């Protein structure tokens, strides 16, 4: 029994499959990979339902409970919860657990769209905080404790603070300072740590949210660590948000049929970090250091916090996650989109995303020894073809000013309206989100006024080749405006 209790979930699944049970339970493929060839490639033999020895995510007491306890110990939380609906599900659950309908919440404007959806679903009143803009690279900076302190002073009814750290671009905020500021007012802090599950496992990386006093944090395992896409953890720390409420909301925002492939992936990732984390993170750091050494010869392209800029201080940025490699094309004659296409076409390197003035490449624990030289050599070769050019103002995917709010998100999402040409809709109230995706930050949200600067930003991003998504219209051409009627 002791040996069974120590076995990883994937090992149990494999043993169960080899035991030759007759499957008269869900799922419908019955572990019969011969039924369709794709099933074998996707691991269908290990895809089962909640059999007695495999525990139940919605009432855990066995192997899943043990896996989540291991995660809590590893990340330093009071309790950690496996998330099969990704960080999106974790953010929805965390915000619902920490608030009541009508509550005022302090929200960084560059939060992921899942936070906005939670505001809408929970009927919350958001107070948005704009992050500073780091001018040389043209990206959103860190939220500061001073900003939070002033906002809490101006809005004493705030019940929750929500912000991302690290951001998609790898910008880290002073979570310890923000938590101290908020806790002095009795306000809990939720950190969207979707891009930061790896933080705190090596001195070269900033500390994680739990180690800095966050009450809640949501971290995607799959973004930076070896786990399947759609896996995440919801961490609960502190005592300002009751654990039973967190557990209840987690159950509401998760599938009642969670995938054992995803849960085995999370359990396996936790065990890997327990057993080999120190060595794996040391190797990751070594590869990043080799990359820094390999790009010392860049003359035109700039890499945020890497190469000759390793250890540099940037105004408006508290700290950086070195796992992110953000390559600026400003003043090179190239756009970020053009650099992305060059890397893909000529060097078979796929990056995470591109805006008009930079490219974002993401390393991870699975990054191998070939990465430093391969990426460095490609950048050096491209850099040789660049020539200094007059910089043109970047079009930022984060608004420089907040559009005036005319009604709540919830009201706007349910109000009548219709499609209108974006230019003709200026002065009207928007009934949809318009996102620059990635990273999924709204340029405008339902209930906000469509202003000339907003239209200019949307059109500029479109011209730069940035993907724009409207939830009802087709930006930059049309948008859904309240009061209009489709004709």
Protein backbone atom coordinates (compact mmCIF):
# COMPACT_ATOMS: atom_id res chain seq x y z
CA UNK A 1 0.00 0.00 0.00
CA UNK A 2 2.85 2.39 0.81
CA UNK A 3 4.35 1.73 -2.64
CA UNK A 4 0.96 2.39 -4.28
CA UNK A 5 0.53 5.66 -2.36
CA UNK A 6 3.83 6.95 -3.70
CA UNK A 7 3.18 6.21 -7.37
CA UNK A 8 2.69 9.08 -9.79
CA UNK A 9 -0.73 9.44 -11.38
CA UNK A 10 0.60 8.68 -14.87
CA UNK A 11 2.17 5.44 -13.57
CA UNK A 12 -1.17 4.39 -12.09
CA UNK A 13 -2.93 5.16 -15.36
CA UNK A 14 -0.40 3.12 -17.33
CA UNK A 15 -0.68 0.16 -14.94
CA UNK A 16 -4.48 0.28 -15.12
CA UNK A 17 -4.38 0.19 -18.93
CA UNK A 18 -1.98 -2.77 -18.97
CA UNK A 19 -4.18 -4.69 -16.49
CA UNK A 20 -6.73 -5.33 -19.26
CA UNK A 21 -9.94 -4.19 -17.56
CA UNK A 22 -13.14 -4.27 -19.63
CA UNK A 23 -14.18 -0.61 -19.86
CA UNK A 24 -17.90 -0.13 -19.27
CA UNK A 25 -17.55 3.47 -18.13
CA UNK A 26 -16.77 6.84 -19.73
CA UNK A 27 -15.14 7.87 -22.05
CA UNK A 28 -16.66 6.46 -25.20
CA UNK A 29 -13.41 5.42 -26.87
CA UNK A 30 -13.05 2.66 -24.21
CA UNK A 31 -9.24 2.89 -24.43
CA UNK A 32 -9.57 1.34 -27.91
CA UNK A 33 -6.84 3.12 -29.85
CA UNK A 34 -7.42 0.81 -32.83
CA UNK A 35 -10.78 2.53 -33.30
CA UNK A 36 -9.05 5.59 -34.75
CA UNK A 37 -5.28 6.05 -35.21
CA UNK A 38 -5.27 9.55 -33.72
CA UNK A 39 -6.36 8.17 -30.35
CA UNK A 40 -3.10 6.27 -29.87
CA UNK A 41 -1.05 9.34 -30.74
CA UNK A 42 -3.03 11.39 -28.21
CA UNK A 43 -2.61 8.93 -25.35
CA UNK A 44 -6.20 7.71 -25.22
CA UNK A 45 -5.11 4.51 -23.45
CA UNK A 46 -4.55 6.59 -20.31
CA UNK A 47 -7.72 8.65 -20.66
CA UNK A 48 -10.18 7.39 -18.04
CA UNK A 49 -12.90 8.62 -15.70
CA UNK A 50 -13.11 8.85 -11.90
CA UNK A 51 -12.50 5.22 -10.98
CA UNK A 52 -12.17 4.53 -7.23
CA UNK A 53 -8.37 4.30 -7.09
CA UNK A 54 -7.86 7.45 -9.18
CA UNK A 55 -9.51 10.00 -6.88
CA UNK A 56 -11.97 12.77 -7.82
CA UNK A 57 -10.82 16.35 -8.45
CA UNK A 58 -14.11 17.67 -7.04
CA UNK A 59 -13.78 15.64 -3.82
CA UNK A 60 -10.08 14.81 -3.57
CA UNK A 61 -8.80 12.45 -0.90
CA UNK A 62 -6.24 10.25 -2.66
CA UNK A 63 -3.61 10.72 -5.35
CA UNK A 64 -5.00 14.08 -6.52
CA UNK A 65 -5.15 15.45 -2.98
CA UNK A 66 -1.57 14.31 -2.46
CA UNK A 67 -0.48 15.99 -5.69
CA UNK A 68 -2.08 19.28 -4.71
CA UNK A 69 -0.53 19.10 -1.23
CA UNK A 70 2.86 18.60 -2.89
CA UNK A 71 2.23 21.65 -5.05
CA UNK A 72 1.29 23.75 -2.02
CA UNK A 73 4.53 22.80 -0.30
CA UNK A 74 6.57 23.50 -3.42
CA UNK A 75 5.08 26.95 -4.07
CA UNK A 76 4.61 27.89 -0.40
CA UNK A 77 0.81 28.27 -0.35
CA UNK A 78 -1.74 27.32 2.28
CA UNK A 79 -3.56 25.35 -0.40
CA UNK A 80 -3.05 24.77 -4.13
CA UNK A 81 -5.69 23.56 -6.57
CA UNK A 82 -5.17 21.79 -9.89
CA UNK A 83 -6.85 23.71 -12.72
CA UNK A 84 -7.89 21.84 -15.89
CA UNK A 85 -9.53 24.97 -17.35
CA UNK A 86 -6.22 26.81 -17.38
CA UNK A 87 -5.42 30.10 -15.69
CA UNK A 88 -8.66 31.46 -17.13
CA UNK A 89 -10.71 29.15 -14.91
CA UNK A 90 -8.47 29.89 -11.95
CA UNK A 91 -8.86 33.65 -12.32
CA UNK A 92 -12.64 33.38 -12.60
CA UNK A 93 -12.75 31.24 -9.46
CA UNK A 94 -10.34 33.44 -7.48
CA UNK A 95 -12.16 36.68 -8.26
CA UNK A 96 -15.54 35.13 -7.47
CA UNK A 97 -14.19 33.76 -4.18
CA UNK A 98 -12.80 37.13 -3.06
CA UNK A 99 -15.75 39.37 -3.97
CA UNK A 100 -19.50 39.85 -3.86
CA UNK A 101 -21.71 41.31 -6.57
CA UNK A 102 -21.36 45.09 -6.72
CA UNK A 103 -17.94 45.16 -5.02
CA UNK A 104 -15.38 47.67 -6.19
CA UNK A 105 -12.12 46.09 -7.38
CA UNK A 106 -8.78 47.68 -8.23
CA UNK A 107 -7.63 46.23 -11.56
CA UNK A 108 -4.50 46.85 -13.61
CA UNK A 109 -5.63 47.80 -17.09
CA UNK A 110 -3.18 45.35 -18.68
CA UNK A 111 -4.84 42.34 -17.05
CA UNK A 112 -5.76 39.40 -19.24
CA UNK A 113 -9.25 39.23 -20.72
CA UNK A 114 -10.23 36.52 -18.22
CA UNK A 115 -10.15 39.18 -15.48
CA UNK A 116 -12.54 41.36 -17.48
CA UNK A 117 -14.85 38.41 -18.02
CA UNK A 118 -14.86 37.80 -14.27
CA UNK A 119 -15.76 41.46 -13.64
CA UNK A 120 -18.65 41.13 -16.07
CA UNK A 121 -19.90 37.78 -14.74
CA UNK A 122 -19.62 38.82 -11.09
CA UNK A 123 -21.17 42.27 -11.57
CA UNK A 124 -18.15 44.10 -10.16
CA UNK A 125 -17.26 47.79 -10.29
CA UNK A 126 -13.69 48.10 -11.63
CA UNK A 127 -11.28 50.91 -10.86
CA UNK A 128 -8.62 50.62 -13.56
CA UNK A 129 -4.97 51.46 -13.02
CA UNK A 130 -2.81 52.21 -16.04
CA UNK A 131 0.74 50.85 -15.81
CA UNK A 132 3.56 53.23 -16.72
CA UNK A 133 4.98 52.88 -20.22
CA UNK A 134 8.66 51.98 -20.61
CA UNK A 135 9.55 54.35 -23.43
CA UNK A 136 12.70 52.81 -24.92
CA UNK A 137 11.07 49.44 -25.62
CA UNK A 138 7.50 50.69 -25.74
CA UNK A 139 5.83 48.26 -23.37
CA UNK A 140 3.74 48.30 -20.22
CA UNK A 141 5.80 48.69 -17.07
CA UNK A 142 5.30 47.58 -13.47
CA UNK A 143 2.42 48.47 -11.20
CA UNK A 144 3.87 50.23 -8.15
CA UNK A 145 2.89 50.16 -4.46
CA UNK A 146 2.56 53.95 -4.65
CA UNK A 147 -0.06 53.68 -7.41
CA UNK A 148 -1.98 51.12 -5.39
CA UNK A 149 -1.74 53.20 -2.20
CA UNK A 150 -3.11 56.29 -3.95
CA UNK A 151 -5.93 54.32 -5.57
CA UNK A 152 -6.93 52.77 -2.24
CA UNK A 153 -6.91 56.23 -0.70
CA UNK A 154 -9.12 57.56 -3.49
CA UNK A 155 -11.42 54.52 -3.44
CA UNK A 156 -11.72 53.31 0.17
CA UNK A 157 -14.41 50.78 -0.77
CA UNK A 158 -12.11 48.56 -2.86
CA UNK A 159 -12.39 44.88 -1.89
CA UNK A 160 -9.68 43.30 -4.06
CA UNK A 161 -6.51 44.24 -5.95
CA UNK A 162 -5.78 42.34 -9.20
CA UNK A 163 -2.75 42.68 -11.48
CA UNK A 164 -0.42 40.53 -13.64
CA UNK A 165 3.14 39.78 -12.57
CA UNK A 166 5.06 38.82 -14.56
CA UNK A 167 3.34 40.23 -17.62
CA UNK A 168 3.34 38.54 -20.99
CA UNK A 169 6.48 40.57 -21.75
CA UNK A 170 8.21 39.45 -18.54
CA UNK A 171 7.75 42.66 -16.55
CA UNK A 172 7.57 41.98 -12.80
CA UNK A 173 5.89 44.20 -10.20
CA UNK A 174 6.81 44.75 -6.55
CA UNK A 175 4.35 42.23 -5.16
CA UNK A 176 5.78 42.40 -1.64
CA UNK A 177 5.26 46.17 -1.57
CA UNK A 178 1.80 45.99 -3.13
CA UNK A 179 0.69 43.30 -0.66
CA UNK A 180 1.96 45.30 2.31
CA UNK A 181 0.09 48.35 1.04
CA UNK A 182 -3.18 46.51 0.41
CA UNK A 183 -3.05 44.44 3.59
CA UNK A 184 -2.66 47.60 5.67
CA UNK A 185 -6.19 48.43 4.46
CA UNK A 186 -7.44 44.86 4.92
CA UNK A 187 -7.68 44.33 1.14
CA UNK A 188 -6.63 40.98 -0.37
CA UNK A 189 -4.35 40.75 -3.41
CA UNK A 190 -4.76 38.43 -6.40
CA UNK A 191 -1.74 38.09 -8.69
CA UNK A 192 -2.28 36.84 -12.21
CA UNK A 193 0.91 34.79 -12.30
CA UNK A 194 -0.05 32.90 -15.47
CA UNK A 195 3.43 33.54 -16.87
CA UNK A 196 5.25 32.99 -13.57
CA UNK A 197 4.90 29.39 -12.38
CA UNK A 198 8.70 29.14 -12.58
CA UNK A 199 9.47 32.14 -10.38
CA UNK A 200 11.32 31.56 -7.14
CA UNK A 201 12.96 28.26 -8.10
CA UNK A 202 16.39 29.79 -8.80
CA UNK A 203 18.12 32.97 -7.54
CA UNK A 204 18.29 34.31 -11.12
CA UNK A 205 14.50 34.47 -11.27
CA UNK A 206 12.42 36.91 -9.18
CA UNK A 207 10.48 35.45 -6.22
CA UNK A 208 6.96 34.15 -6.76
CA UNK A 209 3.73 35.72 -5.54
CA UNK A 210 3.16 33.35 -2.61
CA UNK A 211 6.61 34.10 -1.19
CA UNK A 212 5.77 37.81 -1.25
CA UNK A 213 2.48 37.65 0.63
CA UNK A 214 -0.17 37.38 -2.10
CA UNK A 215 -3.53 36.08 -0.91
CA UNK A 216 -4.30 34.40 -4.23
CA UNK A 217 -2.20 33.63 -7.30
CA UNK A 218 -2.98 31.79 -10.50
CA UNK A 219 -0.08 30.22 -12.40
CA UNK A 220 -0.16 28.37 -15.72
CA UNK A 221 2.07 25.32 -15.50
CA UNK A 222 2.12 24.84 -19.26
CA UNK A 223 3.48 28.27 -20.21
CA UNK A 224 6.97 27.88 -18.74
CA UNK A 225 7.13 24.39 -17.20
CA UNK A 226 6.82 20.84 -18.62
CA UNK A 227 3.08 20.32 -18.42
CA UNK A 228 0.33 19.98 -21.01
CA UNK A 229 -1.45 23.03 -22.41
CA UNK A 230 -4.48 24.06 -20.31
CA UNK A 231 -2.93 23.10 -16.95
CA UNK A 232 -2.61 25.64 -14.14
CA UNK A 233 -2.54 26.03 -10.36
CA UNK A 234 -4.63 28.28 -8.14
CA UNK A 235 -2.68 29.09 -4.97
CA UNK A 236 -4.29 30.41 -1.80
CA UNK A 237 -2.22 32.09 0.91
CA UNK A 238 -3.02 34.36 3.83
CA UNK A 239 -6.39 34.42 5.59
CA UNK A 240 -8.28 37.28 3.95
CA UNK A 241 -10.05 34.94 1.52
CA UNK A 242 -11.62 31.84 3.16
CA UNK A 243 -10.31 28.54 1.79
CA UNK A 244 -13.77 26.90 1.64
CA UNK A 245 -14.94 29.68 -0.66
CA UNK A 246 -11.91 29.25 -2.91
CA UNK A 247 -12.50 25.49 -3.11
CA UNK A 248 -16.20 25.97 -3.90
CA UNK A 249 -15.59 28.45 -6.70
CA UNK A 250 -12.83 26.29 -8.14
CA UNK A 251 -15.39 23.50 -8.45
CA UNK A 252 -17.86 25.80 -10.21
CA UNK A 253 -15.37 27.01 -12.83
CA UNK A 254 -13.90 23.59 -13.61
CA UNK A 255 -15.27 20.83 -15.80
CA UNK A 256 -17.12 18.10 -13.91
CA UNK A 257 -15.24 15.66 -16.17
CA UNK A 258 -11.61 16.73 -15.73
CA UNK A 259 -9.09 15.09 -18.04
CA UNK A 260 -6.83 12.57 -16.34
CA UNK A 261 -4.22 13.31 -18.98
CA UNK A 262 -4.12 16.93 -17.81
CA UNK A 263 -4.14 15.98 -14.13
CA UNK A 264 -1.39 13.39 -14.65
CA UNK A 265 0.61 16.09 -16.41
CA UNK A 266 0.28 18.43 -13.42
CA UNK A 267 1.10 15.69 -10.93
CA UNK A 268 4.11 14.69 -13.01
CA UNK A 269 5.33 18.28 -13.26
CA UNK A 270 5.15 18.75 -9.49
CA UNK A 271 7.10 15.53 -8.91
CA UNK A 272 9.72 16.50 -11.48
CA UNK A 273 10.31 19.83 -9.74
CA UNK A 274 10.57 18.06 -6.38
CA UNK A 275 13.09 15.54 -7.63
CA UNK A 276 15.14 17.41 -10.23
CA UNK A 277 14.09 21.05 -10.02
CA UNK A 278 17.37 22.43 -8.69
CA UNK A 279 19.46 20.87 -11.47
CA UNK A 280 16.94 21.69 -14.21
CA UNK A 281 16.70 25.35 -13.22
CA UNK A 282 20.48 25.64 -12.98
CA UNK A 283 20.73 24.31 -16.55
CA UNK A 284 18.03 26.74 -17.73
CA UNK A 285 19.92 29.65 -16.18
CA UNK A 286 23.17 28.48 -17.79
CA UNK A 287 21.52 28.46 -21.24
CA UNK A 288 20.18 31.98 -20.73
CA UNK A 289 23.67 33.13 -19.70
CA UNK A 290 25.12 31.53 -22.85
CA UNK A 291 22.54 33.40 -24.92
CA UNK A 292 23.54 36.68 -23.25
CA UNK A 293 27.16 36.00 -24.15
CA UNK A 294 26.21 35.05 -27.71
CA UNK A 295 24.46 38.34 -28.55
CA UNK A 296 27.12 40.75 -27.33
CA UNK A 297 27.81 41.71 -30.95
CA UNK A 298 24.34 43.09 -31.71
CA UNK A 299 24.56 46.65 -33.04
CA UNK A 300 20.98 47.46 -34.00
CA UNK A 301 18.59 44.99 -32.41
CA UNK A 302 18.17 45.39 -28.65
CA UNK A 303 17.16 42.64 -26.24
CA UNK A 304 15.44 43.69 -23.01
CA UNK A 305 17.56 42.71 -20.01
CA UNK A 306 19.82 40.44 -22.07
CA UNK A 307 23.20 40.63 -23.77
CA UNK A 308 24.82 44.00 -23.22
CA UNK A 309 21.66 45.10 -21.41
CA UNK A 310 21.78 42.34 -18.79
CA UNK A 311 21.27 43.97 -15.41
CA UNK A 312 20.19 47.28 -16.94
CA UNK A 313 17.62 49.45 -15.16
CA UNK A 314 14.59 50.61 -17.12
CA UNK A 315 12.35 53.44 -15.87
CA UNK A 316 8.95 52.16 -14.84
CA UNK A 317 10.09 48.54 -14.51
CA UNK A 318 10.65 47.02 -11.07
CA UNK A 319 12.20 43.75 -12.26
CA UNK A 320 12.34 41.43 -15.26
CA UNK A 321 11.85 37.72 -15.80
CA UNK A 322 14.98 36.54 -17.67
CA UNK A 323 13.07 33.63 -19.21
CA UNK A 324 11.46 36.08 -21.64
CA UNK A 325 13.51 37.34 -24.59
CA UNK A 326 12.01 40.58 -25.91
CA UNK A 327 13.75 41.84 -29.05
CA UNK A 328 13.20 45.48 -30.01
CA UNK A 329 13.31 46.46 -33.69
CA UNK A 330 13.01 50.19 -33.10
CA UNK A 331 15.44 52.21 -35.19
CA UNK A 332 16.45 49.18 -37.32
CA UNK A 333 14.26 49.58 -40.39
CA UNK A 334 12.46 46.35 -39.45
CA UNK A 335 9.11 45.91 -37.77
CA UNK A 336 8.53 43.27 -35.13
CA UNK A 337 6.24 41.43 -37.53
CA UNK A 338 8.95 41.44 -40.22
CA UNK A 339 11.51 40.08 -37.74
CA UNK A 340 9.11 37.33 -36.70
CA UNK A 341 8.60 36.36 -40.34
CA UNK A 342 12.36 36.37 -41.01
CA UNK A 343 13.07 34.12 -38.03
CA UNK A 344 10.38 31.70 -39.14
CA UNK A 345 11.16 31.65 -42.87
CA UNK A 346 14.96 31.77 -42.86
CA UNK A 347 15.88 30.15 -39.54
CA UNK A 348 12.88 27.94 -38.67
CA UNK A 349 12.50 29.69 -35.32
CA UNK A 350 8.94 30.18 -34.07
CA UNK A 351 8.54 33.02 -31.58
CA UNK A 352 5.62 33.64 -29.26
CA UNK A 353 4.32 36.89 -30.72
CA UNK A 354 5.17 40.10 -32.52
CA UNK A 355 3.96 43.68 -32.31
CA UNK A 356 4.98 46.48 -34.62
CA UNK A 357 8.15 47.26 -32.65
CA UNK A 358 9.24 44.06 -30.93
CA UNK A 359 9.22 40.28 -30.96
CA UNK A 360 8.72 38.12 -27.87
CA UNK A 361 10.50 34.77 -27.58
CA UNK A 362 9.75 32.53 -24.60
CA UNK A 363 12.18 30.04 -23.13
CA UNK A 364 11.06 27.36 -20.70
CA UNK A 365 12.32 24.56 -18.53
CA UNK A 366 12.27 22.40 -21.68
CA UNK A 367 14.60 24.74 -23.58
CA UNK A 368 17.61 22.68 -24.67
CA UNK A 369 21.33 23.32 -25.18
CA UNK A 370 20.85 24.20 -28.85
CA UNK A 371 18.75 27.31 -28.14
CA UNK A 372 21.43 29.85 -27.10
CA UNK A 373 23.61 29.49 -30.18
CA UNK A 374 20.76 28.98 -32.64
CA UNK A 375 18.80 32.08 -31.63
CA UNK A 376 21.92 34.20 -31.07
CA UNK A 377 23.36 33.34 -34.49
CA UNK A 378 20.06 34.11 -36.21
CA UNK A 379 19.80 37.49 -34.49
CA UNK A 380 23.41 38.37 -35.27
CA UNK A 381 22.90 37.51 -38.94
CA UNK A 382 19.72 39.59 -39.15
CA UNK A 383 21.39 42.41 -37.24
CA UNK A 384 24.06 42.59 -39.96
CA UNK A 385 21.35 43.43 -42.50
CA UNK A 386 19.85 46.20 -40.37
CA UNK A 387 20.72 49.84 -40.75
CA UNK A 388 20.08 52.61 -38.28
CA UNK A 389 16.93 54.45 -39.19
CA UNK A 390 14.89 57.24 -37.73
CA UNK A 391 12.63 55.86 -35.05
CA UNK A 392 8.92 56.15 -35.62
CA UNK A 393 6.54 56.28 -32.65
CA UNK A 394 5.42 52.81 -31.61
CA UNK A 395 1.77 51.87 -31.52
CA UNK A 396 1.26 50.41 -28.05
CA UNK A 397 -1.10 47.54 -27.34
CA UNK A 398 -1.81 49.14 -23.96
CA UNK A 399 -3.94 52.30 -24.03
CA UNK A 400 -2.17 55.51 -23.06
CA UNK A 401 -5.33 56.86 -21.43
CA UNK A 402 -8.53 55.25 -20.23
CA UNK A 403 -11.63 55.83 -22.36
CA UNK A 404 -14.45 57.49 -20.39
CA UNK A 405 -16.77 54.92 -18.81
CA UNK A 406 -20.47 55.44 -19.57
CA UNK A 407 -21.98 52.31 -17.99
CA UNK A 408 -20.92 49.06 -16.34
CA UNK A 409 -19.43 46.11 -18.19
CA UNK A 410 -22.41 43.99 -17.26
CA UNK A 411 -24.95 46.57 -18.48
CA UNK A 412 -23.12 47.17 -21.74
CA UNK A 413 -22.79 43.47 -22.49
CA UNK A 414 -26.58 43.08 -22.33
CA UNK A 415 -27.67 46.39 -23.89
CA UNK A 416 -29.13 46.58 -27.42
CA UNK A 417 -27.00 47.89 -30.23
CA UNK A 418 -25.59 47.05 -33.62
CA UNK A 419 -22.56 47.04 -35.87
CA UNK A 420 -21.15 50.36 -36.98
CA UNK A 421 -18.05 51.44 -38.86
CA UNK A 422 -15.43 52.16 -36.20
CA UNK A 423 -14.75 55.68 -37.47
CA UNK A 424 -18.48 56.51 -37.47
CA UNK A 425 -18.85 55.14 -33.93
CA UNK A 426 -16.68 57.81 -32.28
CA UNK A 427 -18.53 59.33 -29.35
CA UNK A 428 -20.76 56.29 -28.95
CA UNK A 429 -20.63 53.67 -26.19
CA UNK A 430 -18.83 50.46 -27.11
CA UNK A 431 -20.72 47.22 -26.58
CA UNK A 432 -17.78 44.84 -27.02
CA UNK A 433 -14.13 44.24 -26.26
CA UNK A 434 -11.46 45.02 -28.82
CA UNK A 435 -8.28 43.09 -28.09
CA UNK A 436 -4.77 43.17 -29.46
CA UNK A 437 -4.14 39.43 -29.38
CA UNK A 438 -1.75 38.33 -28.17
CA UNK A 439 -1.38 39.49 -25.43
CA UNK A 440 -5.16 39.75 -24.92
CA UNK A 441 -5.32 43.17 -23.27
CA UNK A 442 -8.47 45.14 -24.11
CA UNK A 443 -7.98 48.41 -25.95
CA UNK A 444 -11.58 49.18 -25.04
CA UNK A 445 -14.14 47.36 -22.92
CA UNK A 446 -17.95 47.34 -23.02
CA UNK A 447 -19.42 50.49 -21.50
CA UNK A 448 -16.53 52.74 -22.52
CA UNK A 449 -16.72 55.59 -25.02
CA UNK A 450 -15.18 55.13 -28.45
CA UNK A 451 -12.72 58.04 -28.67
CA UNK A 452 -10.53 59.39 -31.51
CA UNK A 453 -7.30 58.18 -29.78
CA UNK A 454 -8.81 54.69 -29.50
CA UNK A 455 -9.67 54.62 -33.21
CA UNK A 456 -6.16 55.84 -34.06
CA UNK A 457 -4.59 53.10 -31.91
CA UNK A 458 -6.73 50.34 -33.44
CA UNK A 459 -5.96 51.48 -36.98
CA UNK A 460 -2.24 51.82 -36.19
CA UNK A 461 -2.02 48.31 -34.76
CA UNK A 462 -3.83 46.94 -37.79
CA UNK A 463 -1.41 48.66 -40.18
CA UNK A 464 1.48 47.22 -38.17
CA UNK A 465 0.19 43.70 -38.75
CA UNK A 466 -1.05 43.09 -35.20
CA UNK A 467 -3.99 40.72 -34.89
CA UNK A 468 -7.12 42.47 -33.61
CA UNK A 469 -10.14 40.66 -32.25
CA UNK A 470 -13.56 42.07 -31.51
CA UNK A 471 -16.09 40.02 -29.59
CA UNK A 472 -18.88 41.19 -31.91
CA UNK A 473 -17.40 43.41 -34.62
CA UNK A 474 -14.45 43.11 -37.00
CA UNK A 475 -11.85 45.70 -35.98
CA UNK A 476 -10.51 47.93 -37.41
CA UNK A 477 -13.49 48.05 -39.76
CA UNK A 478 -16.57 47.61 -37.60
CA UNK A 479 -17.48 47.59 -33.94
CA UNK A 480 -20.60 46.95 -31.89
CA UNK A 481 -21.96 50.26 -30.59
CA UNK A 482 -24.82 50.63 -28.14
CA UNK A 483 -27.98 52.17 -29.51
CA UNK A 484 -27.17 51.31 -33.13
CA UNK A 485 -29.31 48.84 -35.02
CA UNK A 486 -27.96 46.46 -37.63
CA UNK A 487 -29.42 47.33 -40.95
